[in-house]
Amino acid sequence: MLTLQDPLMIVTDLDGSLLDHHTYSWQPAQYWLDRLTGADIPLVLCTSKTAAEILPLQRALGIAGAPFISENGAIVSGGDLSDLPAMRVPEAKDYAAICQTLSQFREDFGFKFTGFNDVTEKEVAEWTGLTPADAELAMQREGSESIIWRDTPENFARFQQALQDEKLTLIQGGRFWTVTSEGNDKGSALRWLLKNIPTRTGQPPITIGLGDGPNDAVMLDSVDYAVIIKGYSKEPVTLSRTDNQNIYTTTLYGPEGWSEGLAHFVSQE
């Protein structure tokens, strides 16, 4: 069993994982957060949230300056450890270019969908349960767009092909689909981050990943130990790895499940 004396790095999704799906509270996980902080173990947030949302959340969690991955892998920050370029995929489209492409799709194909760029902070707040102020932070996007699909399954297949033709892709999250450049996902972003940031020991850290949604699967396939947190998505979290002894599926949701997963792999002594 792992201990807090091992060179650990915790990589975690937020909504539905460290944060409660409904209330966005992390309070049930505070015991483990305090233990990780006390042992100087880095906590890397790997989330669909924007950098604008992550920075104040890091301060509230007591991990300001830590590396993070935002917008489902579109943006990677080395925090205080290193000055990484924000857009890690060569020739990735920025937010304005993605929105322009989506607008053109509506004109050319008549696809029916609604993105954050189409609505106000009030509507995003209603969709997500965020406050209007936090919804405004969620709309400060850099490399991806969140959409709600409102069309037929047949047109969805055509939509996916049209995106592929523009070197864009779709990632399914707990509430929204994310449109982002090909090569942007949580798994490839994490592998790139681990390759480019220094560590305390000079050796690769032992990574524990925690997530609850289909978009977390590639991240959970990229860590040493994977925790699949019981979630609300209709789609299961399916991993490609086969080392079942290093995979744990929780019985509890959200931050309770997050704590359950860490306790499975890390000694509480």
C-alpha atoms as a PDB file:
ATOM      1  CA  MET A   1       0.000   0.000   0.000  1.00  0.00           C
ATOM      2  CA  LEU A   2       1.188   3.520  -0.769  1.00  0.00           C
ATOM      3  CA  THR A   3       2.033   5.989   1.984  1.00  0.00           C
ATOM      4  CA  LEU A   4       2.285   9.762   2.188  1.00  0.00           C
ATOM      5  CA  GLN A   5       6.057   9.343   2.309  1.00  0.00           C
ATOM      6  CA  ASP A   6       6.047   8.058  -1.287  1.00  0.00           C
ATOM      7  CA  PRO A   7       6.669  10.589  -4.104  1.00  0.00           C
ATOM      8  CA  LEU A   8       2.978  10.850  -4.957  1.00  0.00           C
ATOM      9  CA  MET A   9       1.131  13.192  -7.286  1.00  0.00           C
ATOM     10  CA  ILE A  10      -2.671  13.313  -7.160  1.00  0.00           C
ATOM     11  CA  VAL A  11      -4.402  14.181 -10.446  1.00  0.00           C
ATOM     12  CA  THR A  12      -8.092  14.883 -10.109  1.00  0.00           C
ATOM     13  CA  ASP A  13     -11.189  15.833 -11.997  1.00  0.00           C
ATOM     14  CA  LEU A  14     -13.377  18.426 -10.271  1.00  0.00           C
ATOM     15  CA  ASP A  15     -17.131  18.382 -10.989  1.00  0.00           C
ATOM     16  CA  GLY A  16     -18.597  15.141  -9.648  1.00  0.00           C
ATOM     17  CA  SER A  17     -15.226  14.092  -8.244  1.00  0.00           C
ATOM     18  CA  LEU A  18     -13.462  16.403  -5.804  1.00  0.00           C
ATOM     19  CA  LEU A  19     -16.464  18.745  -6.047  1.00  0.00           C
ATOM     20  CA  ASP A  20     -20.013  17.574  -5.361  1.00  0.00           C
ATOM     21  CA  HIS A  21     -22.015  17.341  -8.603  1.00  0.00           C
ATOM     22  CA  HIS A  22     -24.887  19.415  -7.167  1.00  0.00           C
ATOM     23  CA  THR A  23     -23.383  21.761  -4.557  1.00  0.00           C
ATOM     24  CA  TYR A  24     -19.755  22.083  -5.777  1.00  0.00           C
ATOM     25  CA  SER A  25     -18.612  21.518  -2.169  1.00  0.00           C
ATOM     26  CA  TRP A  26     -15.359  19.665  -1.425  1.00  0.00           C
ATOM     27  CA  GLN A  27     -15.902  19.599   2.340  1.00  0.00           C
ATOM     28  CA  PRO A  28     -16.198  15.775   2.664  1.00  0.00           C
ATOM     29  CA  ALA A  29     -12.694  15.522   1.167  1.00  0.00           C
ATOM     30  CA  GLN A  30     -11.129  18.084   3.532  1.00  0.00           C
ATOM     31  CA  TYR A  31      -9.476  15.410   5.717  1.00  0.00           C
ATOM     32  CA  TRP A  32      -7.503  14.087   2.756  1.00  0.00           C
ATOM     33  CA  LEU A  33      -6.790  17.551   1.373  1.00  0.00           C
ATOM     34  CA  ASP A  34      -5.225  18.498   4.709  1.00  0.00           C
ATOM     35  CA  ARG A  35      -3.157  15.299   4.746  1.00  0.00           C
ATOM     36  CA  LEU A  36      -1.887  15.872   1.213  1.00  0.00           C
ATOM     37  CA  THR A  37      -0.991  19.485   1.956  1.00  0.00           C
ATOM     38  CA  GLY A  38       0.772  18.495   5.161  1.00  0.00           C
ATOM     39  CA  ALA A  39       2.840  15.922   3.282  1.00  0.00           C
ATOM     40  CA  ASP A  40       3.636  18.397   0.476  1.00  0.00           C
ATOM     41  CA  ILE A  41       2.049  16.116  -2.133  1.00  0.00           C
ATOM     42  CA  PRO A  42       1.061  18.019  -5.291  1.00  0.00           C
ATOM     43  CA  LEU A  43      -2.601  18.105  -6.273  1.00  0.00           C
ATOM     44  CA  VAL A  44      -3.069  18.665 -10.010  1.00  0.00           C
ATOM     45  CA  LEU A  45      -6.563  19.715 -11.092  1.00  0.00           C
ATOM     46  CA  CYS A  46      -7.454  18.133 -14.458  1.00  0.00           C
ATOM     47  CA  THR A  47     -10.846  19.434 -15.457  1.00  0.00           C
ATOM     48  CA  SER A  48     -13.230  20.833 -18.040  1.00  0.00           C
ATOM     49  CA  LYS A  49     -13.252  24.088 -16.069  1.00  0.00           C
ATOM     50  CA  THR A  50     -11.447  27.159 -17.407  1.00  0.00           C
ATOM     51  CA  ALA A  51      -8.227  28.614 -16.040  1.00  0.00           C
ATOM     52  CA  ALA A  52     -10.279  31.586 -14.818  1.00  0.00           C
ATOM     53  CA  GLU A  53     -12.324  29.175 -12.668  1.00  0.00           C
ATOM     54  CA  ILE A  54      -9.353  27.136 -11.491  1.00  0.00           C
ATOM     55  CA  LEU A  55      -7.153  29.927 -10.124  1.00  0.00           C
ATOM     56  CA  PRO A  56      -9.557  31.107  -7.370  1.00  0.00           C
ATOM     57  CA  LEU A  57     -10.440  27.489  -6.616  1.00  0.00           C
ATOM     58  CA  GLN A  58      -6.751  26.660  -6.143  1.00  0.00           C
ATOM     59  CA  ARG A  59      -6.480  29.522  -3.662  1.00  0.00           C
ATOM     60  CA  ALA A  60      -9.529  28.259  -1.762  1.00  0.00           C
ATOM     61  CA  LEU A  61      -8.085  24.737  -1.676  1.00  0.00           C
ATOM     62  CA  GLY A  62      -4.702  26.007  -0.479  1.00  0.00           C
ATOM     63  CA  ILE A  63      -2.827  24.850  -3.597  1.00  0.00           C
ATOM     64  CA  ALA A  64      -2.199  28.167  -5.378  1.00  0.00           C
ATOM     65  CA  GLY A  65       0.670  27.859  -7.835  1.00  0.00           C
ATOM     66  CA  ALA A  66       0.195  24.137  -8.492  1.00  0.00           C
ATOM     67  CA  PRO A  67       0.163  22.862 -12.089  1.00  0.00           C
ATOM     68  CA  PHE A  68      -3.267  22.338 -13.656  1.00  0.00           C
ATOM     69  CA  ILE A  69      -4.989  21.130 -16.809  1.00  0.00           C
ATOM     70  CA  SER A  70      -8.078  23.026 -17.924  1.00  0.00           C
ATOM     71  CA  GLU A  71     -10.753  22.808 -20.625  1.00  0.00           C
ATOM     72  CA  ASN A  72     -10.478  19.005 -20.880  1.00  0.00           C
ATOM     73  CA  GLY A  73      -6.802  19.202 -21.854  1.00  0.00           C
ATOM     74  CA  ALA A  74      -6.828  22.215 -24.179  1.00  0.00           C
ATOM     75  CA  ILE A  75      -4.812  24.331 -21.720  1.00  0.00           C
ATOM     76  CA  VAL A  76      -1.935  23.189 -19.491  1.00  0.00           C
ATOM     77  CA  SER A  77      -0.212  25.285 -16.818  1.00  0.00           C
ATOM     78  CA  GLY A  78       2.979  24.349 -15.003  1.00  0.00           C
ATOM     79  CA  GLY A  79       2.028  26.733 -12.201  1.00  0.00           C
ATOM     80  CA  ASP A  80       5.005  27.955 -10.230  1.00  0.00           C
ATOM     81  CA  LEU A  81       7.094  24.965 -11.352  1.00  0.00           C
ATOM     82  CA  SER A  82       7.617  25.945 -14.974  1.00  0.00           C
ATOM     83  CA  ASP A  83       6.509  28.438 -17.595  1.00  0.00           C
ATOM     84  CA  LEU A  84       4.762  26.239 -20.145  1.00  0.00           C
ATOM     85  CA  PRO A  85       3.171  27.507 -23.355  1.00  0.00           C
ATOM     86  CA  ALA A  86      -0.595  27.609 -22.911  1.00  0.00           C
ATOM     87  CA  MET A  87      -1.458  25.978 -26.233  1.00  0.00           C
ATOM     88  CA  ARG A  88       0.528  22.732 -26.304  1.00  0.00           C
ATOM     89  CA  VAL A  89      -0.918  21.307 -29.552  1.00  0.00           C
ATOM     90  CA  PRO A  90       0.707  22.891 -32.631  1.00  0.00           C
ATOM     91  CA  GLU A  91      -1.759  24.926 -34.681  1.00  0.00           C
ATOM     92  CA  ALA A  92      -4.608  24.298 -32.239  1.00  0.00           C
ATOM     93  CA  LYS A  93      -7.580  26.580 -32.775  1.00  0.00           C
ATOM     94  CA  ASP A  94      -8.227  29.199 -30.124  1.00  0.00           C
ATOM     95  CA  TYR A  95     -11.684  29.914 -28.747  1.00  0.00           C
ATOM     96  CA  ALA A  96     -12.586  32.578 -31.310  1.00  0.00           C
ATOM     97  CA  ALA A  97     -11.624  30.303 -34.202  1.00  0.00           C
ATOM     98  CA  ILE A  98     -13.616  27.371 -32.769  1.00  0.00           C
ATOM     99  CA  CYS A  99     -16.711  29.546 -32.332  1.00  0.00           C
ATOM    100  CA  GLN A 100     -16.327  30.901 -35.854  1.00  0.00           C
ATOM    101  CA  THR A 101     -16.154  27.336 -37.228  1.00  0.00           C
ATOM    102  CA  LEU A 102     -19.259  26.307 -35.255  1.00  0.00           C
ATOM    103  CA  SER A 103     -21.151  29.338 -36.513  1.00  0.00           C
ATOM    104  CA  GLN A 104     -20.221  28.390 -40.082  1.00  0.00           C
ATOM    105  CA  PHE A 105     -21.497  24.855 -39.465  1.00  0.00           C
ATOM    106  CA  ARG A 106     -24.901  26.258 -38.531  1.00  0.00           C
ATOM    107  CA  GLU A 107     -25.046  28.195 -41.798  1.00  0.00           C
ATOM    108  CA  ASP A 108     -23.755  25.357 -43.969  1.00  0.00           C
ATOM    109  CA  PHE A 109     -25.493  22.348 -42.405  1.00  0.00           C
ATOM    110  CA  GLY A 110     -28.284  23.725 -40.190  1.00  0.00           C
ATOM    111  CA  PHE A 111     -27.046  21.878 -37.103  1.00  0.00           C
ATOM    112  CA  LYS A 112     -28.965  22.664 -33.903  1.00  0.00           C
ATOM    113  CA  PHE A 113     -26.817  23.156 -30.798  1.00  0.00           C
ATOM    114  CA  THR A 114     -26.252  25.835 -28.177  1.00  0.00           C
ATOM    115  CA  GLY A 115     -22.828  26.873 -26.918  1.00  0.00           C
ATOM    116  CA  PHE A 116     -21.618  29.129 -24.146  1.00  0.00           C
ATOM    117  CA  ASN A 117     -20.776  31.725 -26.788  1.00  0.00           C
ATOM    118  CA  ASP A 118     -24.468  31.865 -27.751  1.00  0.00           C
ATOM    119  CA  VAL A 119     -25.901  32.762 -24.356  1.00  0.00           C
ATOM    120  CA  THR A 120     -25.520  35.019 -21.314  1.00  0.00           C
ATOM    121  CA  GLU A 121     -24.012  34.371 -17.891  1.00  0.00           C
ATOM    122  CA  LYS A 122     -27.556  33.981 -16.563  1.00  0.00           C
ATOM    123  CA  GLU A 123     -28.277  31.063 -18.886  1.00  0.00           C
ATOM    124  CA  VAL A 124     -24.965  29.348 -18.134  1.00  0.00           C
ATOM    125  CA  ALA A 125     -25.734  29.751 -14.424  1.00  0.00           C
ATOM    126  CA  GLU A 126     -29.136  28.108 -14.956  1.00  0.00           C
ATOM    127  CA  TRP A 127     -27.574  25.207 -16.868  1.00  0.00           C
ATOM    128  CA  THR A 128     -24.833  24.537 -14.333  1.00  0.00           C
ATOM    129  CA  GLY A 129     -26.122  25.705 -10.944  1.00  0.00           C
ATOM    130  CA  LEU A 130     -23.188  28.138 -10.709  1.00  0.00           C
ATOM    131  CA  THR A 131     -23.603  31.680  -9.457  1.00  0.00           C
ATOM    132  CA  PRO A 132     -23.698  34.304 -12.233  1.00  0.00           C
ATOM    133  CA  ALA A 133     -20.202  35.436 -11.192  1.00  0.00           C
ATOM    134  CA  ASP A 134     -18.839  31.895 -11.442  1.00  0.00           C
ATOM    135  CA  ALA A 135     -20.698  31.360 -14.708  1.00  0.00           C
ATOM    136  CA  GLU A 136     -18.874  34.381 -16.100  1.00  0.00           C
ATOM    137  CA  LEU A 137     -15.562  32.695 -15.214  1.00  0.00           C
ATOM    138  CA  ALA A 138     -16.747  29.523 -16.962  1.00  0.00           C
ATOM    139  CA  MET A 139     -17.285  31.593 -20.107  1.00  0.00           C
ATOM    140  CA  GLN A 140     -13.681  32.850 -20.175  1.00  0.00           C
ATOM    141  CA  ARG A 141     -12.599  30.110 -22.548  1.00  0.00           C
ATOM    142  CA  GLU A 142      -9.297  29.846 -24.409  1.00  0.00           C
ATOM    143  CA  GLY A 143      -9.182  26.590 -26.362  1.00  0.00           C
ATOM    144  CA  SER A 144     -12.580  24.864 -26.328  1.00  0.00           C
ATOM    145  CA  GLU A 145     -16.323  25.446 -26.483  1.00  0.00           C
ATOM    146  CA  SER A 146     -18.981  23.720 -24.381  1.00  0.00           C
ATOM    147  CA  ILE A 147     -22.189  22.892 -26.224  1.00  0.00           C
ATOM    148  CA  ILE A 148     -25.585  21.243 -25.706  1.00  0.00           C
ATOM    149  CA  TRP A 149     -26.598  19.144 -28.709  1.00  0.00           C
ATOM    150  CA  ARG A 150     -30.231  19.759 -29.742  1.00  0.00           C
ATOM    151  CA  ASP A 151     -30.395  17.834 -33.021  1.00  0.00           C
ATOM    152  CA  THR A 152     -30.900  14.271 -34.259  1.00  0.00           C
ATOM    153  CA  PRO A 153     -28.471  11.365 -33.822  1.00  0.00           C
ATOM    154  CA  GLU A 154     -28.075  11.286 -37.626  1.00  0.00           C
ATOM    155  CA  ASN A 155     -27.009  14.922 -37.703  1.00  0.00           C
ATOM    156  CA  PHE A 156     -24.733  14.294 -34.719  1.00  0.00           C
ATOM    157  CA  ALA A 157     -22.749  11.846 -36.842  1.00  0.00           C
ATOM    158  CA  ARG A 158     -22.552  14.458 -39.622  1.00  0.00           C
ATOM    159  CA  PHE A 159     -21.475  17.033 -37.029  1.00  0.00           C
ATOM    160  CA  GLN A 160     -18.644  14.789 -35.832  1.00  0.00           C
ATOM    161  CA  GLN A 161     -17.430  14.315 -39.401  1.00  0.00           C
ATOM    162  CA  ALA A 162     -17.563  18.050 -40.085  1.00  0.00           C
ATOM    163  CA  LEU A 163     -15.498  18.666 -36.958  1.00  0.00           C
ATOM    164  CA  GLN A 164     -12.976  16.042 -37.995  1.00  0.00           C
ATOM    165  CA  ASP A 165     -12.592  17.734 -41.385  1.00  0.00           C
ATOM    166  CA  GLU A 166     -11.600  20.909 -39.475  1.00  0.00           C
ATOM    167  CA  LYS A 167      -9.195  18.986 -37.162  1.00  0.00           C
ATOM    168  CA  LEU A 168     -11.607  19.423 -34.265  1.00  0.00           C
ATOM    169  CA  THR A 169     -13.039  16.766 -31.971  1.00  0.00           C
ATOM    170  CA  LEU A 170     -15.786  16.188 -29.372  1.00  0.00           C
ATOM    171  CA  ILE A 171     -15.276  15.172 -25.747  1.00  0.00           C
ATOM    172  CA  GLN A 172     -18.261  14.071 -23.638  1.00  0.00           C
ATOM    173  CA  GLY A 173     -18.457  15.516 -20.141  1.00  0.00           C
ATOM    174  CA  GLY A 174     -20.947  15.258 -17.316  1.00  0.00           C
ATOM    175  CA  ARG A 175     -23.166  18.103 -18.551  1.00  0.00           C
ATOM    176  CA  PHE A 176     -21.836  19.237 -21.935  1.00  0.00           C
ATOM    177  CA  TRP A 177     -19.986  18.203 -25.049  1.00  0.00           C
ATOM    178  CA  THR A 178     -16.639  19.954 -25.469  1.00  0.00           C
ATOM    179  CA  VAL A 179     -15.476  20.992 -28.936  1.00  0.00           C
ATOM    180  CA  THR A 180     -11.683  21.274 -29.047  1.00  0.00           C
ATOM    181  CA  SER A 181      -8.724  20.728 -31.360  1.00  0.00           C
ATOM    182  CA  GLU A 182      -7.616  17.191 -32.169  1.00  0.00           C
ATOM    183  CA  GLY A 183      -4.976  16.028 -29.710  1.00  0.00           C
ATOM    184  CA  ASN A 184      -6.523  17.913 -26.809  1.00  0.00           C
ATOM    185  CA  ASP A 185      -7.662  15.534 -24.084  1.00  0.00           C
ATOM    186  CA  LYS A 186      -6.921  14.997 -20.413  1.00  0.00           C
ATOM    187  CA  GLY A 187      -4.658  12.004 -21.011  1.00  0.00           C
ATOM    188  CA  SER A 188      -2.327  13.550 -23.567  1.00  0.00           C
ATOM    189  CA  ALA A 189      -2.262  16.794 -21.563  1.00  0.00           C
ATOM    190  CA  LEU A 190      -1.239  14.934 -18.405  1.00  0.00           C
ATOM    191  CA  ARG A 191       1.497  12.979 -20.188  1.00  0.00           C
ATOM    192  CA  TRP A 192       2.828  16.223 -21.660  1.00  0.00           C
ATOM    193  CA  LEU A 193       2.736  17.936 -18.268  1.00  0.00           C
ATOM    194  CA  LEU A 194       4.601  15.101 -16.537  1.00  0.00           C
ATOM    195  CA  LYS A 195       7.275  15.208 -19.228  1.00  0.00           C
ATOM    196  CA  ASN A 196       7.796  18.970 -18.938  1.00  0.00           C
ATOM    197  CA  ILE A 197       7.686  19.859 -15.233  1.00  0.00           C
ATOM    198  CA  PRO A 198      10.454  19.204 -12.706  1.00  0.00           C
ATOM    199  CA  THR A 199       9.796  16.999  -9.689  1.00  0.00           C
ATOM    200  CA  ARG A 200      11.115  17.144  -6.141  1.00  0.00           C
ATOM    201  CA  THR A 201      13.121  13.929  -6.475  1.00  0.00           C
ATOM    202  CA  GLY A 202      14.113  14.255 -10.106  1.00  0.00           C
ATOM    203  CA  GLN A 203      12.241  10.990 -10.731  1.00  0.00           C
ATOM    204  CA  PRO A 204       8.754  10.540 -12.206  1.00  0.00           C
ATOM    205  CA  PRO A 205       6.107  10.759  -9.458  1.00  0.00           C
ATOM    206  CA  ILE A 206       3.743   7.940  -8.542  1.00  0.00           C
ATOM    207  CA  THR A 207       0.444   9.202  -9.928  1.00  0.00           C
ATOM    208  CA  ILE A 208      -3.052   8.564  -8.599  1.00  0.00           C
ATOM    209  CA  GLY A 209      -5.881   9.779 -10.811  1.00  0.00           C
ATOM    210  CA  LEU A 210      -9.501  10.297  -9.787  1.00  0.00           C
ATOM    211  CA  GLY A 211     -12.465  10.980 -12.074  1.00  0.00           C
ATOM    212  CA  ASP A 212     -16.141  10.201 -12.588  1.00  0.00           C
ATOM    213  CA  GLY A 213     -16.955  10.831 -16.259  1.00  0.00           C
ATOM    214  CA  PRO A 214     -16.231   9.406 -19.723  1.00  0.00           C
ATOM    215  CA  ASN A 215     -13.896  12.343 -20.423  1.00  0.00           C
ATOM    216  CA  ASP A 216     -11.727  11.178 -17.505  1.00  0.00           C
ATOM    217  CA  ALA A 217     -11.011   7.754 -19.007  1.00  0.00           C
ATOM    218  CA  VAL A 218      -7.944   8.831 -20.988  1.00  0.00           C
ATOM    219  CA  MET A 219      -6.538  10.540 -17.891  1.00  0.00           C
ATOM    220  CA  LEU A 220      -7.195   7.467 -15.749  1.00  0.00           C
ATOM    221  CA  ASP A 221      -5.427   5.322 -18.351  1.00  0.00           C
ATOM    222  CA  SER A 222      -2.368   7.597 -18.024  1.00  0.00           C
ATOM    223  CA  VAL A 223      -1.771   7.330 -14.252  1.00  0.00           C
ATOM    224  CA  ASP A 224      -0.235   4.593 -12.120  1.00  0.00           C
ATOM    225  CA  TYR A 225      -3.356   4.120  -9.972  1.00  0.00           C
ATOM    226  CA  ALA A 226      -6.877   4.934 -11.156  1.00  0.00           C
ATOM    227  CA  VAL A 227      -9.968   5.733  -9.080  1.00  0.00           C
ATOM    228  CA  ILE A 228     -13.287   5.665 -10.938  1.00  0.00           C
ATOM    229  CA  ILE A 229     -15.684   7.663  -8.786  1.00  0.00           C
ATOM    230  CA  LYS A 230     -19.328   6.652  -8.904  1.00  0.00           C
ATOM    231  CA  GLY A 231     -21.000   9.268 -11.098  1.00  0.00           C
ATOM    232  CA  TYR A 232     -24.238  10.425 -12.675  1.00  0.00           C
ATOM    233  CA  SER A 233     -23.293  10.096 -16.346  1.00  0.00           C
ATOM    234  CA  LYS A 234     -25.387   7.724 -18.464  1.00  0.00           C
ATOM    235  CA  GLU A 235     -22.158   6.604 -20.126  1.00  0.00           C
ATOM    236  CA  PRO A 236     -19.811   4.343 -18.118  1.00  0.00           C
ATOM    237  CA  VAL A 237     -16.165   5.179 -17.548  1.00  0.00           C
ATOM    238  CA  THR A 238     -14.430   2.496 -19.630  1.00  0.00           C
ATOM    239  CA  LEU A 239     -10.659   2.135 -19.321  1.00  0.00           C
ATOM    240  CA  SER A 240      -8.379   0.438 -21.846  1.00  0.00           C
ATOM    241  CA  ARG A 241      -5.855  -0.665 -19.206  1.00  0.00           C
ATOM    242  CA  THR A 242      -6.002  -4.206 -17.823  1.00  0.00           C
ATOM    243  CA  ASP A 243      -4.028  -3.917 -14.560  1.00  0.00           C
ATOM    244  CA  ASN A 244      -7.184  -4.315 -12.496  1.00  0.00           C
ATOM    245  CA  GLN A 245      -5.271  -4.398  -9.206  1.00  0.00           C
ATOM    246  CA  ASN A 246      -4.417  -0.715  -9.807  1.00  0.00           C
ATOM    247  CA  ILE A 247      -8.014   0.319 -10.584  1.00  0.00           C
ATOM    248  CA  TYR A 248     -10.654   1.009  -7.944  1.00  0.00           C
ATOM    249  CA  THR A 249     -14.318   1.891  -8.451  1.00  0.00           C
ATOM    250  CA  THR A 250     -15.939   3.684  -5.526  1.00  0.00           C
ATOM    251  CA  THR A 251     -19.316   3.003  -3.967  1.00  0.00           C
ATOM    252  CA  LEU A 252     -19.821   6.680  -3.052  1.00  0.00           C
ATOM    253  CA  TYR A 253     -20.332   9.793  -5.180  1.00  0.00           C
ATOM    254  CA  GLY A 254     -18.327  13.012  -5.390  1.00  0.00           C
ATOM    255  CA  PRO A 255     -15.929  14.050  -2.635  1.00  0.00           C
ATOM    256  CA  GLU A 256     -17.033  11.135  -0.451  1.00  0.00           C
ATOM    257  CA  GLY A 257     -16.033   8.776  -3.253  1.00  0.00           C
ATOM    258  CA  TRP A 258     -12.852  10.797  -3.799  1.00  0.00           C
ATOM    259  CA  SER A 259     -11.863  10.172  -0.187  1.00  0.00           C
ATOM    260  CA  GLU A 260     -12.872   6.513  -0.462  1.00  0.00           C
ATOM    261  CA  GLY A 261     -10.604   6.094  -3.482  1.00  0.00           C
ATOM    262  CA  LEU A 262      -7.564   7.648  -1.853  1.00  0.00           C
ATOM    263  CA  ALA A 263      -8.088   5.572   1.273  1.00  0.00           C
ATOM    264  CA  HIS A 264      -8.097   2.438  -0.901  1.00  0.00           C
ATOM    265  CA  PHE A 265      -4.603   3.095  -2.241  1.00  0.00           C
ATOM    266  CA  VAL A 266      -2.936   5.285   0.429  1.00  0.00           C
ATOM    267  CA  SER A 267      -2.363   4.245   4.025  1.00  0.00           C
ATOM    268  CA  GLN A 268      -4.159   6.376   6.613  1.00  0.00           C
ATOM    269  CA  GLU A 269      -1.471   5.745   9.235  1.00  0.00           C
END
